[in-house]
Amino acid sequence: MKMEADKLKSMTVAGTAMKVVVLGIGRGVSEDELTNISSAPVSKNVIRVQDFSSLSNVTEQLRNVSCIGQ
């Protein structure tokens, strides 16, 4: 998984580097795996929620971090 994420992060689209944002849902998700997959800064590009019903709580955060130029 990390190799694929590293390959994706090294790509560009129209001169803009790809950014990998990860969403961990539930307690069983490995923090190390999320960190290894996401682009830096991890504090912005790793988002965690307790369960699927909590997704509505991070909608704005996902929108902000996933838009180009953020």
PDB file of N, CA and C in Angstrom:
ATOM      1  N   MET A   1       0.823  -1.194   0.000  1.00  0.00           N
ATOM      2  CA  MET A   1       0.000   0.000   0.000  1.00  0.00           C
ATOM      3  C   MET A   1       0.866   1.255   0.000  1.00  0.00           C
ATOM      4  N   LYS A   2       1.933   1.268   0.814  1.00  0.00           N
ATOM      5  CA  LYS A   2       2.788   2.449   0.882  1.00  0.00           C
ATOM      6  C   LYS A   2       3.456   2.727  -0.456  1.00  0.00           C
ATOM      7  N   MET A   3       3.861   1.672  -1.180  1.00  0.00           N
ATOM      8  CA  MET A   3       4.511   1.879  -2.474  1.00  0.00           C
ATOM      9  C   MET A   3       3.567   2.575  -3.443  1.00  0.00           C
ATOM     10  N   GLU A   4       2.311   2.166  -3.456  1.00  0.00           N
ATOM     11  CA  GLU A   4       1.332   2.796  -4.331  1.00  0.00           C
ATOM     12  C   GLU A   4       1.114   4.249  -3.935  1.00  0.00           C
ATOM     13  N   ALA A   5       1.051   4.509  -2.629  1.00  0.00           N
ATOM     14  CA  ALA A   5       0.867   5.877  -2.155  1.00  0.00           C
ATOM     15  C   ALA A   5       2.066   6.738  -2.514  1.00  0.00           C
ATOM     16  N   ASP A   6       3.285   6.205  -2.355  1.00  0.00           N
ATOM     17  CA  ASP A   6       4.481   6.962  -2.716  1.00  0.00           C
ATOM     18  C   ASP A   6       4.500   7.267  -4.207  1.00  0.00           C
ATOM     19  N   LYS A   7       4.089   6.311  -5.021  1.00  0.00           N
ATOM     20  CA  LYS A   7       4.031   6.521  -6.463  1.00  0.00           C
ATOM     21  C   LYS A   7       3.024   7.621  -6.804  1.00  0.00           C
ATOM     22  N   LEU A   8       1.866   7.582  -6.161  1.00  0.00           N
ATOM     23  CA  LEU A   8       0.846   8.593  -6.388  1.00  0.00           C
ATOM     24  C   LEU A   8       1.332   9.971  -5.966  1.00  0.00           C
ATOM     25  N   LYS A   9       1.992  10.048  -4.814  1.00  0.00           N
ATOM     26  CA  LYS A   9       2.484  11.336  -4.311  1.00  0.00           C
ATOM     27  C   LYS A   9       3.570  11.927  -5.205  1.00  0.00           C
ATOM     28  N   SER A  10       4.264  11.081  -5.976  1.00  0.00           N
ATOM     29  CA  SER A  10       5.321  11.585  -6.848  1.00  0.00           C
ATOM     30  C   SER A  10       4.779  12.066  -8.189  1.00  0.00           C
ATOM     31  N   MET A  11       3.501  11.837  -8.454  1.00  0.00           N
ATOM     32  CA  MET A  11       2.899  12.239  -9.726  1.00  0.00           C
ATOM     33  C   MET A  11       2.468  13.704  -9.686  1.00  0.00           C
ATOM     34  N   THR A  12       2.330  14.272 -10.874  1.00  0.00           N
ATOM     35  CA  THR A  12       1.801  15.625 -10.991  1.00  0.00           C
ATOM     36  C   THR A  12       0.688  15.648 -12.022  1.00  0.00           C
ATOM     37  N   VAL A  13      -0.212  16.588 -11.852  1.00  0.00           N
ATOM     38  CA  VAL A  13      -1.281  16.827 -12.810  1.00  0.00           C
ATOM     39  C   VAL A  13      -1.236  18.309 -13.135  1.00  0.00           C
ATOM     40  N   ALA A  14      -1.007  18.614 -14.393  1.00  0.00           N
ATOM     41  CA  ALA A  14      -0.891  20.003 -14.839  1.00  0.00           C
ATOM     42  C   ALA A  14       0.121  20.773 -13.994  1.00  0.00           C
ATOM     43  N   GLY A  15       1.229  20.099 -13.638  1.00  0.00           N
ATOM     44  CA  GLY A  15       2.291  20.744 -12.889  1.00  0.00           C
ATOM     45  C   GLY A  15       2.065  20.826 -11.392  1.00  0.00           C
ATOM     46  N   THR A  16       0.959  20.280 -10.921  1.00  0.00           N
ATOM     47  CA  THR A  16       0.655  20.310  -9.493  1.00  0.00           C
ATOM     48  C   THR A  16       0.855  18.929  -8.904  1.00  0.00           C
ATOM     49  N   ALA A  17       1.623  18.858  -7.818  1.00  0.00           N
ATOM     50  CA  ALA A  17       1.888  17.570  -7.167  1.00  0.00           C
ATOM     51  C   ALA A  17       0.604  16.990  -6.599  1.00  0.00           C
ATOM     52  N   MET A  18       0.497  15.661  -6.675  1.00  0.00           N
ATOM     53  CA  MET A  18      -0.654  14.968  -6.108  1.00  0.00           C
ATOM     54  C   MET A  18      -0.564  15.033  -4.591  1.00  0.00           C
ATOM     55  N   LYS A  19      -1.717  15.134  -3.949  1.00  0.00           N
ATOM     56  CA  LYS A  19      -1.792  15.130  -2.496  1.00  0.00           C
ATOM     57  C   LYS A  19      -2.676  13.968  -2.083  1.00  0.00           C
ATOM     58  N   VAL A  20      -2.206  13.164  -1.136  1.00  0.00           N
ATOM     59  CA  VAL A  20      -2.969  12.018  -0.670  1.00  0.00           C
ATOM     60  C   VAL A  20      -3.549  12.353   0.701  1.00  0.00           C
ATOM     61  N   VAL A  21      -4.871  12.403   0.738  1.00  0.00           N
ATOM     62  CA  VAL A  21      -5.608  12.640   1.974  1.00  0.00           C
ATOM     63  C   VAL A  21      -6.232  11.310   2.370  1.00  0.00           C
ATOM     64  N   VAL A  22      -6.061  10.906   3.615  1.00  0.00           N
ATOM     65  CA  VAL A  22      -6.623   9.627   4.049  1.00  0.00           C
ATOM     66  C   VAL A  22      -7.659   9.843   5.138  1.00  0.00           C
ATOM     67  N   LEU A  23      -8.649   8.978   5.114  1.00  0.00           N
ATOM     68  CA  LEU A  23      -9.730   9.022   6.084  1.00  0.00           C
ATOM     69  C   LEU A  23      -9.790   7.676   6.781  1.00  0.00           C
ATOM     70  N   GLY A  24      -9.532   7.674   8.069  1.00  0.00           N
ATOM     71  CA  GLY A  24      -9.603   6.453   8.868  1.00  0.00           C
ATOM     72  C   GLY A  24     -10.930   6.409   9.594  1.00  0.00           C
ATOM     73  N   ILE A  25     -11.644   5.313   9.439  1.00  0.00           N
ATOM     74  CA  ILE A  25     -12.954   5.182  10.078  1.00  0.00           C
ATOM     75  C   ILE A  25     -12.910   4.003  11.047  1.00  0.00           C
ATOM     76  N   GLY A  26     -13.167   4.282  12.308  1.00  0.00           N
ATOM     77  CA  GLY A  26     -13.207   3.237  13.320  1.00  0.00           C
ATOM     78  C   GLY A  26     -11.916   3.118  14.101  1.00  0.00           C
ATOM     79  N   ARG A  27     -11.932   2.235  15.091  1.00  0.00           N
ATOM     80  CA  ARG A  27     -10.786   2.053  15.976  1.00  0.00           C
ATOM     81  C   ARG A  27      -9.740   1.107  15.410  1.00  0.00           C
ATOM     82  N   GLY A  28     -10.117   0.262  14.460  1.00  0.00           N
ATOM     83  CA  GLY A  28      -9.209  -0.751  13.959  1.00  0.00           C
ATOM     84  C   GLY A  28      -8.222  -0.279  12.910  1.00  0.00           C
ATOM     85  N   VAL A  29      -8.189   1.007  12.630  1.00  0.00           N
ATOM     86  CA  VAL A  29      -7.313   1.548  11.601  1.00  0.00           C
ATOM     87  C   VAL A  29      -5.952   1.860  12.208  1.00  0.00           C
ATOM     88  N   SER A  30      -4.901   1.428  11.534  1.00  0.00           N
ATOM     89  CA  SER A  30      -3.543   1.650  12.012  1.00  0.00           C
ATOM     90  C   SER A  30      -3.117   3.100  11.776  1.00  0.00           C
ATOM     91  N   GLU A  31      -2.736   3.765  12.856  1.00  0.00           N
ATOM     92  CA  GLU A  31      -2.258   5.149  12.755  1.00  0.00           C
ATOM     93  C   GLU A  31      -0.994   5.209  11.904  1.00  0.00           C
ATOM     94  N   ASP A  32      -0.108   4.226  12.060  1.00  0.00           N
ATOM     95  CA  ASP A  32       1.121   4.185  11.261  1.00  0.00           C
ATOM     96  C   ASP A  32       0.800   4.060   9.775  1.00  0.00           C
ATOM     97  N   GLU A  33      -0.173   3.225   9.445  1.00  0.00           N
ATOM     98  CA  GLU A  33      -0.530   3.049   8.040  1.00  0.00           C
ATOM     99  C   GLU A  33      -1.103   4.332   7.452  1.00  0.00           C
ATOM    100  N   LEU A  34      -1.975   4.993   8.202  1.00  0.00           N
ATOM    101  CA  LEU A  34      -2.543   6.259   7.722  1.00  0.00           C
ATOM    102  C   LEU A  34      -1.442   7.291   7.493  1.00  0.00           C
ATOM    103  N   THR A  35      -0.509   7.370   8.435  1.00  0.00           N
ATOM    104  CA  THR A  35       0.597   8.320   8.351  1.00  0.00           C
ATOM    105  C   THR A  35       1.490   8.018   7.151  1.00  0.00           C
ATOM    106  N   ASN A  36       1.774   6.737   6.925  1.00  0.00           N
ATOM    107  CA  ASN A  36       2.639   6.353   5.810  1.00  0.00           C
ATOM    108  C   ASN A  36       2.003   6.606   4.457  1.00  0.00           C
ATOM    109  N   ILE A  37       0.704   6.498   4.383  1.00  0.00           N
ATOM    110  CA  ILE A  37      -0.002   6.675   3.110  1.00  0.00           C
ATOM    111  C   ILE A  37      -0.202   8.149   2.776  1.00  0.00           C
ATOM    112  N   SER A  38      -0.471   8.979   3.764  1.00  0.00           N
ATOM    113  CA  SER A  38      -0.859  10.371   3.507  1.00  0.00           C
ATOM    114  C   SER A  38       0.318  11.240   3.093  1.00  0.00           C
ATOM    115  N   SER A  39      -0.026  12.331   2.459  1.00  0.00           N
ATOM    116  CA  SER A  39       0.958  13.366   2.146  1.00  0.00           C
ATOM    117  C   SER A  39       1.229  14.188   3.398  1.00  0.00           C
ATOM    118  N   ALA A  40       2.361  14.853   3.399  1.00  0.00           N
ATOM    119  CA  ALA A  40       2.677  15.781   4.487  1.00  0.00           C
ATOM    120  C   ALA A  40       1.937  17.089   4.224  1.00  0.00           C
ATOM    121  N   PRO A  41       1.540  17.799   5.220  1.00  0.00           N
ATOM    122  CA  PRO A  41       1.653  17.497   6.630  1.00  0.00           C
ATOM    123  C   PRO A  41       0.554  16.532   7.086  1.00  0.00           C
ATOM    124  N   VAL A  42       0.961  15.555   7.856  1.00  0.00           N
ATOM    125  CA  VAL A  42       0.044  14.521   8.345  1.00  0.00           C
ATOM    126  C   VAL A  42      -1.075  15.139   9.172  1.00  0.00           C
ATOM    127  N   SER A  43      -0.769  16.178   9.910  1.00  0.00           N
ATOM    128  CA  SER A  43      -1.777  16.809  10.771  1.00  0.00           C
ATOM    129  C   SER A  43      -2.973  17.329   9.973  1.00  0.00           C
ATOM    130  N   LYS A  44      -2.780  17.634   8.697  1.00  0.00           N
ATOM    131  CA  LYS A  44      -3.876  18.102   7.837  1.00  0.00           C
ATOM    132  C   LYS A  44      -4.451  16.992   6.968  1.00  0.00           C
ATOM    133  N   ASN A  45      -3.615  16.049   6.571  1.00  0.00           N
ATOM    134  CA  ASN A  45      -4.017  15.085   5.552  1.00  0.00           C
ATOM    135  C   ASN A  45      -4.439  13.723   6.079  1.00  0.00           C
ATOM    136  N   VAL A  46      -4.435  13.541   7.392  1.00  0.00           N
ATOM    137  CA  VAL A  46      -4.996  12.341   8.009  1.00  0.00           C
ATOM    138  C   VAL A  46      -6.199  12.787   8.830  1.00  0.00           C
ATOM    139  N   ILE A  47      -7.351  12.247   8.491  1.00  0.00           N
ATOM    140  CA  ILE A  47      -8.586  12.589   9.188  1.00  0.00           C
ATOM    141  C   ILE A  47      -9.156  11.283   9.747  1.00  0.00           C
ATOM    142  N   ARG A  48      -9.543  11.301  11.007  1.00  0.00           N
ATOM    143  CA  ARG A  48     -10.091  10.103  11.662  1.00  0.00           C
ATOM    144  C   ARG A  48     -11.474  10.393  12.209  1.00  0.00           C
ATOM    145  N   VAL A  49     -12.339   9.408  12.096  1.00  0.00           N
ATOM    146  CA  VAL A  49     -13.658   9.466  12.722  1.00  0.00           C
ATOM    147  C   VAL A  49     -13.937   8.122  13.392  1.00  0.00           C
ATOM    148  N   GLN A  50     -14.816   8.145  14.373  1.00  0.00           N
ATOM    149  CA  GLN A  50     -15.123   6.934  15.134  1.00  0.00           C
ATOM    150  C   GLN A  50     -15.936   5.919  14.327  1.00  0.00           C
ATOM    151  N   ASP A  51     -16.867   6.424  13.495  1.00  0.00           N
ATOM    152  CA  ASP A  51     -17.745   5.537  12.738  1.00  0.00           C
ATOM    153  C   ASP A  51     -18.324   6.288  11.544  1.00  0.00           C
ATOM    154  N   PHE A  52     -19.028   5.560  10.692  1.00  0.00           N
ATOM    155  CA  PHE A  52     -19.568   6.167   9.481  1.00  0.00           C
ATOM    156  C   PHE A  52     -20.578   7.274   9.782  1.00  0.00           C
ATOM    157  N   SER A  53     -21.290   7.156  10.878  1.00  0.00           N
ATOM    158  CA  SER A  53     -22.262   8.202  11.218  1.00  0.00           C
ATOM    159  C   SER A  53     -21.577   9.516  11.597  1.00  0.00           C
ATOM    160  N   SER A  54     -20.269   9.477  11.876  1.00  0.00           N
ATOM    161  CA  SER A  54     -19.520  10.685  12.236  1.00  0.00           C
ATOM    162  C   SER A  54     -18.947  11.415  11.022  1.00  0.00           C
ATOM    163  N   LEU A  55     -19.124  10.862   9.834  1.00  0.00           N
ATOM    164  CA  LEU A  55     -18.558  11.494   8.635  1.00  0.00           C
ATOM    165  C   LEU A  55     -19.071  12.916   8.425  1.00  0.00           C
ATOM    166  N   SER A  56     -20.311  13.156   8.776  1.00  0.00           N
ATOM    167  CA  SER A  56     -20.861  14.499   8.586  1.00  0.00           C
ATOM    168  C   SER A  56     -20.110  15.541   9.416  1.00  0.00           C
ATOM    169  N   ASN A  57     -19.421  15.102  10.464  1.00  0.00           N
ATOM    170  CA  ASN A  57     -18.671  16.032  11.317  1.00  0.00           C
ATOM    171  C   ASN A  57     -17.373  16.513  10.665  1.00  0.00           C
ATOM    172  N   VAL A  58     -16.911  15.830   9.635  1.00  0.00           N
ATOM    173  CA  VAL A  58     -15.641  16.206   9.008  1.00  0.00           C
ATOM    174  C   VAL A  58     -15.804  16.630   7.550  1.00  0.00           C
ATOM    175  N   THR A  59     -17.019  16.850   7.124  1.00  0.00           N
ATOM    176  CA  THR A  59     -17.281  17.223   5.735  1.00  0.00           C
ATOM    177  C   THR A  59     -16.526  18.480   5.323  1.00  0.00           C
ATOM    178  N   GLU A  60     -16.604  19.502   6.135  1.00  0.00           N
ATOM    179  CA  GLU A  60     -15.928  20.766   5.822  1.00  0.00           C
ATOM    180  C   GLU A  60     -14.410  20.592   5.823  1.00  0.00           C
ATOM    181  N   GLN A  61     -13.892  19.858   6.781  1.00  0.00           N
ATOM    182  CA  GLN A  61     -12.452  19.586   6.854  1.00  0.00           C
ATOM    183  C   GLN A  61     -11.989  18.839   5.601  1.00  0.00           C
ATOM    184  N   LEU A  62     -12.740  17.834   5.181  1.00  0.00           N
ATOM    185  CA  LEU A  62     -12.402  17.099   3.955  1.00  0.00           C
ATOM    186  C   LEU A  62     -12.424  18.009   2.745  1.00  0.00           C
ATOM    187  N   ARG A  63     -13.416  18.865   2.661  1.00  0.00           N
ATOM    188  CA  ARG A  63     -13.527  19.793   1.534  1.00  0.00           C
ATOM    189  C   ARG A  63     -12.330  20.743   1.504  1.00  0.00           C
ATOM    190  N   ASN A  64     -11.968  21.266   2.656  1.00  0.00           N
ATOM    191  CA  ASN A  64     -10.852  22.226   2.710  1.00  0.00           C
ATOM    192  C   ASN A  64      -9.519  21.590   2.361  1.00  0.00           C
ATOM    193  N   VAL A  65      -9.252  20.401   2.871  1.00  0.00           N
ATOM    194  CA  VAL A  65      -7.954  19.779   2.662  1.00  0.00           C
ATOM    195  C   VAL A  65      -7.825  19.171   1.277  1.00  0.00           C
ATOM    196  N   SER A  66      -8.924  18.819   0.653  1.00  0.00           N
ATOM    197  CA  SER A  66      -8.846  18.140  -0.647  1.00  0.00           C
ATOM    198  C   SER A  66      -8.855  19.102  -1.835  1.00  0.00           C
ATOM    199  N   CYS A  67      -9.136  20.353  -1.621  1.00  0.00           N
ATOM    200  CA  CYS A  67      -9.172  21.318  -2.723  1.00  0.00           C
ATOM    201  C   CYS A  67      -7.750  21.750  -3.081  1.00  0.00           C
ATOM    202  N   ILE A  68      -7.494  21.930  -4.364  1.00  0.00           N
ATOM    203  CA  ILE A  68      -6.179  22.365  -4.842  1.00  0.00           C
ATOM    204  C   ILE A  68      -5.863  23.733  -4.252  1.00  0.00           C
ATOM    205  N   GLY A  69      -4.623  23.882  -3.826  1.00  0.00           N
ATOM    206  CA  GLY A  69      -4.179  25.158  -3.273  1.00  0.00           C
ATOM    207  C   GLY A  69      -4.331  25.246  -1.770  1.00  0.00           C
ATOM    208  N   GLN A  70      -4.842  24.207  -1.151  1.00  0.00           N
ATOM    209  CA  GLN A  70      -5.028  24.222   0.301  1.00  0.00           C
ATOM    210  C   GLN A  70      -3.816  23.649   0.980  1.00  0.00           C
TER     211      GLN A  70
END
